Structure formats: structure tokens, C-alpha cells
N, C-alpha and C. Protein backbone atom coordinates (compact mmCIF):
# COMPACT_ATOMS: atom_id res chain seq x y z
N MET A 1 0.83 -1.20 0.00
CA MET A 1 0.00 0.00 0.00
C MET A 1 0.87 1.25 0.00
N ALA A 2 2.00 1.22 0.69
CA ALA A 2 2.86 2.40 0.77
C ALA A 2 3.48 2.73 -0.58
N THR A 3 3.81 1.72 -1.37
CA THR A 3 4.39 2.01 -2.68
C THR A 3 3.37 2.63 -3.62
N PHE A 4 2.08 2.27 -3.45
CA PHE A 4 1.06 2.88 -4.30
C PHE A 4 0.97 4.37 -4.04
N THR A 5 1.01 4.79 -2.80
CA THR A 5 0.93 6.20 -2.49
C THR A 5 2.22 6.93 -2.86
N ALA A 6 3.34 6.25 -2.77
CA ALA A 6 4.60 6.88 -3.18
C ALA A 6 4.67 7.02 -4.69
N ARG A 7 3.92 6.21 -5.44
CA ARG A 7 3.91 6.31 -6.90
C ARG A 7 3.30 7.62 -7.38
N LYS A 8 2.52 8.30 -6.51
CA LYS A 8 1.97 9.60 -6.89
C LYS A 8 3.06 10.66 -6.95
N LYS A 9 4.20 10.39 -6.35
CA LYS A 9 5.29 11.36 -6.32
C LYS A 9 6.19 11.28 -7.54
N ILE A 10 5.98 10.30 -8.41
CA ILE A 10 6.78 10.20 -9.63
C ILE A 10 5.83 10.04 -10.81
N LEU A 11 6.01 10.87 -11.81
CA LEU A 11 5.16 10.86 -12.99
C LEU A 11 6.04 10.63 -14.21
N LYS A 12 5.92 9.46 -14.80
CA LYS A 12 6.72 9.09 -15.97
C LYS A 12 5.87 9.21 -17.22
N ASP A 13 6.53 9.15 -18.39
CA ASP A 13 5.80 9.14 -19.65
C ASP A 13 4.97 7.87 -19.76
N LYS A 14 3.98 7.87 -20.62
CA LYS A 14 3.10 6.72 -20.77
C LYS A 14 3.90 5.51 -21.24
N GLY A 15 3.63 4.37 -20.63
CA GLY A 15 4.30 3.14 -21.01
C GLY A 15 5.65 2.92 -20.37
N VAL A 16 6.15 3.87 -19.60
CA VAL A 16 7.45 3.74 -18.95
C VAL A 16 7.22 3.59 -17.45
N SER A 17 7.78 2.54 -16.89
CA SER A 17 7.63 2.34 -15.45
C SER A 17 8.91 2.77 -14.75
N PRO A 18 8.80 3.31 -13.55
CA PRO A 18 10.00 3.75 -12.82
C PRO A 18 10.83 2.56 -12.35
N ASP A 19 12.15 2.76 -12.32
CA ASP A 19 13.02 1.70 -11.81
C ASP A 19 13.06 1.76 -10.28
N THR A 20 13.81 0.86 -9.68
CA THR A 20 13.80 0.76 -8.22
C THR A 20 14.40 1.99 -7.55
N PHE A 21 15.43 2.58 -8.16
CA PHE A 21 16.03 3.77 -7.55
C PHE A 21 15.06 4.94 -7.58
N GLU A 22 14.35 5.11 -8.69
CA GLU A 22 13.37 6.19 -8.78
C GLU A 22 12.24 5.99 -7.77
N GLU A 23 11.84 4.74 -7.58
CA GLU A 23 10.81 4.46 -6.59
C GLU A 23 11.30 4.75 -5.18
N SER A 24 12.59 4.51 -4.92
CA SER A 24 13.12 4.82 -3.59
C SER A 24 13.16 6.33 -3.34
N VAL A 25 13.46 7.11 -4.38
CA VAL A 25 13.45 8.57 -4.24
C VAL A 25 12.01 9.06 -4.02
N ALA A 26 11.07 8.49 -4.77
CA ALA A 26 9.66 8.87 -4.60
C ALA A 26 9.17 8.50 -3.20
N GLN A 27 9.60 7.34 -2.70
CA GLN A 27 9.22 6.93 -1.35
C GLN A 27 9.81 7.88 -0.31
N ALA A 28 11.04 8.33 -0.53
CA ALA A 28 11.67 9.28 0.40
C ALA A 28 10.90 10.60 0.41
N LEU A 29 10.48 11.07 -0.77
CA LEU A 29 9.68 12.30 -0.83
C LEU A 29 8.34 12.13 -0.12
N PHE A 30 7.73 10.96 -0.32
CA PHE A 30 6.44 10.70 0.34
C PHE A 30 6.62 10.64 1.86
N ASP A 31 7.69 10.00 2.32
CA ASP A 31 7.96 9.93 3.75
C ASP A 31 8.20 11.31 4.35
N LEU A 32 8.92 12.17 3.61
CA LEU A 32 9.16 13.53 4.09
C LEU A 32 7.84 14.31 4.19
N GLU A 33 6.98 14.10 3.20
CA GLU A 33 5.69 14.78 3.24
C GLU A 33 4.86 14.31 4.42
N ALA A 34 4.95 13.03 4.75
CA ALA A 34 4.14 12.48 5.83
C ALA A 34 4.69 12.85 7.21
N THR A 35 6.01 12.95 7.35
CA THR A 35 6.59 13.14 8.67
C THR A 35 6.97 14.59 8.98
N SER A 36 7.44 15.33 8.01
CA SER A 36 7.93 16.68 8.26
C SER A 36 6.78 17.69 8.19
N ALA A 37 6.55 18.36 9.30
CA ALA A 37 5.45 19.32 9.36
C ALA A 37 5.75 20.57 8.53
N GLU A 38 7.03 20.98 8.48
CA GLU A 38 7.37 22.20 7.75
C GLU A 38 7.37 22.00 6.24
N LEU A 39 7.57 20.76 5.76
CA LEU A 39 7.59 20.49 4.32
C LEU A 39 6.26 19.93 3.80
N LYS A 40 5.35 19.59 4.69
CA LYS A 40 4.13 18.89 4.29
C LYS A 40 3.30 19.68 3.30
N GLY A 41 3.04 20.93 3.59
CA GLY A 41 2.21 21.75 2.70
C GLY A 41 2.87 22.02 1.37
N ASP A 42 4.19 22.21 1.39
CA ASP A 42 4.90 22.53 0.15
C ASP A 42 5.06 21.30 -0.75
N LEU A 43 5.23 20.12 -0.17
CA LEU A 43 5.45 18.91 -0.96
C LEU A 43 4.17 18.28 -1.49
N ARG A 44 3.03 18.76 -1.04
CA ARG A 44 1.77 18.10 -1.40
C ARG A 44 1.55 18.05 -2.91
N ASP A 45 1.80 19.14 -3.62
CA ASP A 45 1.51 19.22 -5.05
C ASP A 45 2.73 18.96 -5.93
N LEU A 46 3.86 18.64 -5.34
CA LEU A 46 5.08 18.45 -6.12
C LEU A 46 5.34 16.98 -6.42
N TYR A 47 5.91 16.71 -7.58
CA TYR A 47 6.30 15.35 -7.96
C TYR A 47 7.55 15.43 -8.83
N ILE A 48 8.16 14.28 -9.13
CA ILE A 48 9.38 14.25 -9.92
C ILE A 48 9.12 13.50 -11.22
N ARG A 49 10.00 13.71 -12.20
CA ARG A 49 9.91 12.98 -13.48
C ARG A 49 10.83 11.77 -13.50
N SER A 50 12.04 11.92 -12.97
CA SER A 50 12.98 10.80 -12.94
C SER A 50 14.07 11.11 -11.93
N ALA A 51 14.86 10.09 -11.64
CA ALA A 51 16.00 10.25 -10.73
C ALA A 51 17.06 9.25 -11.13
N LYS A 52 18.31 9.65 -10.99
CA LYS A 52 19.38 8.70 -11.26
C LYS A 52 20.57 9.00 -10.36
N GLU A 53 21.40 8.00 -10.23
CA GLU A 53 22.56 8.09 -9.36
C GLU A 53 23.80 8.08 -10.25
N VAL A 54 24.68 9.06 -10.06
CA VAL A 54 25.89 9.16 -10.88
C VAL A 54 27.12 9.17 -9.98
N ASP A 55 28.24 8.72 -10.54
CA ASP A 55 29.51 8.76 -9.83
C ASP A 55 30.15 10.12 -10.04
N ILE A 56 30.72 10.67 -8.97
CA ILE A 56 31.45 11.93 -9.07
C ILE A 56 32.86 11.69 -8.57
N SER A 57 33.69 12.68 -8.64
CA SER A 57 35.09 12.51 -8.26
C SER A 57 35.22 12.15 -6.78
N GLY A 58 36.29 11.47 -6.48
CA GLY A 58 36.53 11.07 -5.10
C GLY A 58 35.80 9.80 -4.71
N GLY A 59 35.25 9.09 -5.68
CA GLY A 59 34.55 7.85 -5.38
C GLY A 59 33.21 8.04 -4.72
N ARG A 60 32.69 9.25 -4.73
CA ARG A 60 31.38 9.51 -4.13
C ARG A 60 30.29 9.42 -5.18
N LYS A 61 29.07 9.42 -4.74
CA LYS A 61 27.92 9.35 -5.65
C LYS A 61 27.01 10.55 -5.40
N ALA A 62 26.28 10.92 -6.45
CA ALA A 62 25.31 12.01 -6.35
C ALA A 62 23.97 11.53 -6.89
N VAL A 63 22.91 12.08 -6.36
CA VAL A 63 21.55 11.78 -6.80
C VAL A 63 21.06 12.98 -7.59
N ILE A 64 20.67 12.75 -8.85
CA ILE A 64 20.12 13.81 -9.69
C ILE A 64 18.63 13.57 -9.81
N ILE A 65 17.84 14.56 -9.41
CA ILE A 65 16.38 14.45 -9.45
C ILE A 65 15.87 15.42 -10.50
N HIS A 66 15.18 14.88 -11.51
CA HIS A 66 14.60 15.70 -12.57
C HIS A 66 13.16 16.02 -12.20
N VAL A 67 12.84 17.31 -12.23
CA VAL A 67 11.49 17.76 -11.91
C VAL A 67 10.92 18.47 -13.13
N PRO A 68 9.60 18.51 -13.30
CA PRO A 68 9.02 19.25 -14.43
C PRO A 68 9.34 20.74 -14.31
N PHE A 69 9.51 21.37 -15.47
CA PHE A 69 9.88 22.78 -15.48
C PHE A 69 8.84 23.65 -14.78
N ARG A 70 7.58 23.28 -14.90
CA ARG A 70 6.50 24.08 -14.29
C ARG A 70 6.53 24.02 -12.77
N LEU A 71 7.13 22.99 -12.19
CA LEU A 71 7.20 22.86 -10.74
C LEU A 71 8.53 23.36 -10.17
N ARG A 72 9.36 23.93 -11.02
CA ARG A 72 10.69 24.37 -10.61
C ARG A 72 10.63 25.40 -9.48
N LYS A 73 9.74 26.35 -9.57
CA LYS A 73 9.63 27.38 -8.53
C LYS A 73 9.24 26.79 -7.18
N GLY A 74 8.34 25.81 -7.19
CA GLY A 74 7.94 25.17 -5.95
C GLY A 74 9.09 24.43 -5.29
N PHE A 75 9.91 23.77 -6.11
CA PHE A 75 11.06 23.07 -5.56
C PHE A 75 12.13 24.06 -5.09
N GLN A 76 12.29 25.18 -5.79
CA GLN A 76 13.29 26.17 -5.38
C GLN A 76 12.93 26.78 -4.03
N LYS A 77 11.65 26.91 -3.78
CA LYS A 77 11.19 27.51 -2.53
C LYS A 77 11.61 26.69 -1.31
N ILE A 78 11.62 25.36 -1.45
CA ILE A 78 11.96 24.50 -0.32
C ILE A 78 13.26 23.74 -0.55
N GLN A 79 14.04 24.16 -1.53
CA GLN A 79 15.22 23.39 -1.95
C GLN A 79 16.22 23.17 -0.82
N GLU A 80 16.52 24.18 -0.05
CA GLU A 80 17.54 24.05 0.99
C GLU A 80 17.15 22.99 2.02
N ARG A 81 15.92 23.06 2.51
CA ARG A 81 15.47 22.08 3.51
C ARG A 81 15.31 20.69 2.89
N LEU A 82 14.78 20.63 1.66
CA LEU A 82 14.54 19.35 1.00
C LEU A 82 15.85 18.62 0.71
N VAL A 83 16.84 19.33 0.20
CA VAL A 83 18.12 18.71 -0.12
C VAL A 83 18.79 18.21 1.16
N ARG A 84 18.71 18.99 2.22
CA ARG A 84 19.31 18.57 3.49
C ARG A 84 18.68 17.28 4.00
N GLU A 85 17.36 17.18 3.94
CA GLU A 85 16.66 15.98 4.41
C GLU A 85 16.94 14.78 3.50
N LEU A 86 16.98 15.00 2.18
CA LEU A 86 17.25 13.89 1.26
C LEU A 86 18.70 13.40 1.39
N GLU A 87 19.64 14.31 1.66
CA GLU A 87 21.02 13.87 1.86
C GLU A 87 21.14 13.02 3.11
N LYS A 88 20.33 13.31 4.13
CA LYS A 88 20.31 12.45 5.32
C LYS A 88 19.76 11.07 4.98
N LYS A 89 18.67 11.04 4.20
CA LYS A 89 18.04 9.77 3.85
C LYS A 89 18.92 8.90 2.96
N PHE A 90 19.69 9.52 2.07
CA PHE A 90 20.54 8.77 1.15
C PHE A 90 21.98 8.70 1.65
N SER A 91 22.17 8.70 2.93
CA SER A 91 23.45 8.50 3.62
C SER A 91 24.59 9.35 3.07
N GLY A 92 24.37 10.65 3.04
CA GLY A 92 25.45 11.57 2.71
C GLY A 92 25.74 11.76 1.24
N LYS A 93 24.94 11.20 0.34
CA LYS A 93 25.14 11.43 -1.09
C LYS A 93 24.68 12.84 -1.42
N HIS A 94 25.35 13.46 -2.38
CA HIS A 94 24.93 14.78 -2.81
C HIS A 94 23.61 14.67 -3.57
N VAL A 95 22.73 15.64 -3.38
CA VAL A 95 21.43 15.65 -4.05
C VAL A 95 21.34 16.93 -4.88
N VAL A 96 21.01 16.76 -6.17
CA VAL A 96 20.88 17.89 -7.09
C VAL A 96 19.50 17.82 -7.72
N ILE A 97 18.79 18.94 -7.73
CA ILE A 97 17.47 19.01 -8.34
C ILE A 97 17.59 19.81 -9.63
N VAL A 98 17.17 19.18 -10.75
CA VAL A 98 17.31 19.78 -12.07
C VAL A 98 15.95 19.84 -12.74
N ALA A 99 15.64 20.99 -13.38
CA ALA A 99 14.37 21.11 -14.10
C ALA A 99 14.48 20.44 -15.45
N HIS A 100 13.46 19.69 -15.82
CA HIS A 100 13.40 18.98 -17.10
C HIS A 100 12.70 19.88 -18.11
N ARG A 101 13.44 20.30 -19.13
CA ARG A 101 12.85 21.17 -20.15
C ARG A 101 12.61 20.38 -21.42
N LYS A 102 11.52 20.65 -22.08
CA LYS A 102 11.14 19.93 -23.29
C LYS A 102 11.41 20.81 -24.50
N ILE A 103 12.08 20.24 -25.50
CA ILE A 103 12.35 20.96 -26.74
C ILE A 103 11.19 20.73 -27.69
N MET A 104 10.59 21.81 -28.15
CA MET A 104 9.47 21.71 -29.09
C MET A 104 9.99 21.87 -30.52
N LYS A 105 9.35 21.17 -31.46
CA LYS A 105 9.74 21.28 -32.86
C LYS A 105 9.33 22.65 -33.39
N PRO A 106 10.07 23.15 -34.39
CA PRO A 106 9.66 24.42 -35.00
C PRO A 106 8.32 24.25 -35.71
N PRO A 107 7.51 25.31 -35.75
CA PRO A 107 6.21 25.20 -36.42
C PRO A 107 6.40 24.96 -37.93
N LYS A 108 5.54 24.14 -38.50
CA LYS A 108 5.63 23.81 -39.93
C LYS A 108 5.12 24.94 -40.80
N SER A 109 3.98 25.51 -40.46
CA SER A 109 3.42 26.57 -41.29
C SER A 109 4.01 27.91 -40.90
N GLY A 110 3.89 28.87 -41.77
CA GLY A 110 4.56 30.15 -41.62
C GLY A 110 4.15 30.97 -40.43
N TYR A 111 2.88 31.22 -40.25
CA TYR A 111 2.48 32.15 -39.18
C TYR A 111 1.69 31.46 -38.08
N SER A 112 1.82 30.15 -37.96
CA SER A 112 1.10 29.46 -36.89
C SER A 112 1.65 29.88 -35.54
N LEU A 113 1.09 29.34 -34.50
CA LEU A 113 1.52 29.71 -33.16
C LEU A 113 3.01 29.44 -33.01
N ALA A 114 3.74 30.46 -32.73
CA ALA A 114 5.19 30.33 -32.59
C ALA A 114 5.49 29.67 -31.25
N ARG A 115 6.52 28.85 -31.24
CA ARG A 115 6.91 28.22 -29.98
C ARG A 115 7.63 29.25 -29.12
N PRO A 116 7.54 29.11 -27.83
CA PRO A 116 8.26 30.03 -26.96
C PRO A 116 9.77 29.87 -27.12
N ARG A 117 10.48 30.92 -26.97
CA ARG A 117 11.94 30.89 -27.10
C ARG A 117 12.55 29.94 -26.07
N SER A 118 11.93 29.83 -24.90
CA SER A 118 12.47 28.97 -23.85
C SER A 118 12.37 27.49 -24.19
N ARG A 119 11.58 27.12 -25.22
CA ARG A 119 11.44 25.73 -25.61
C ARG A 119 12.23 25.39 -26.88
N SER A 120 13.03 26.32 -27.38
CA SER A 120 13.81 26.06 -28.58
C SER A 120 15.10 25.32 -28.21
N LEU A 121 15.74 24.76 -29.21
CA LEU A 121 16.94 23.95 -29.00
C LEU A 121 18.08 24.80 -28.42
N THR A 122 18.23 26.02 -28.90
CA THR A 122 19.33 26.85 -28.42
C THR A 122 19.10 27.35 -27.01
N ALA A 123 17.85 27.54 -26.61
CA ALA A 123 17.58 28.02 -25.26
C ALA A 123 17.68 26.91 -24.23
N VAL A 124 17.33 25.69 -24.62
CA VAL A 124 17.38 24.58 -23.68
C VAL A 124 18.78 24.06 -23.62
């Protein structure tokens, strides 16, 4: 039952299921929302797109959490407290939160709705 509720914290593309590491990050976010009174209200509407673990220099590891671009401001608001709590949960690994930006194709017709500059290849 706990994994079902933690699955609300990760939203993947259709047909793609999260791997075990992504589910552990989603579970950690769900646990923080349930236990931490100061983060509860802020974490209620936030979710992640993906997470992965990478090796960095010195033989250490870092956790990279991809969040939707539209939720970036919400994560920035609580980033300091959230990163501190997640680093405790993942035994001292560095935690980095990155916004996931989507590149849109250029419009085919001449004067159709232009794509925003922030979604072009050069801006992303």
C-alpha cells in the first residue's frame, strides 16, 4: 500500500515504469511529506519525473532528481530544507534538483503559433 501512495510522487511518460532507484526517491519524498510538518504543505503538489545516481570525483555518488519545469519554482522555494533531508536519507550522497525542459519542434506553417523561445533547442 505504501508504494502505491509513493507512486503519486513520480510521474513518468506513458508506457514507462519507474526503476527501483526512482521508486526509492519517490518513497523518500512521500515519507518527508508524511513526517515533516514544515515540508508537508509545500510537498503536497510536487512530484518528480525521474531520478538517477551518478559517480562523481573522489569515489562519491550524487543523486540527480529531474522535476518538471513548471514545478521548478515550488522546488526552489523548499530546496535548501529538502536537499538537506534527502542527503540524510541517502546516507550523505549529494542531491541535485534539475528542471526537465522539453524541446518543441519548430512550427511547420509560416504564421502558426510560434513556440516560446524557452522551448527552442538553443535556449534549452
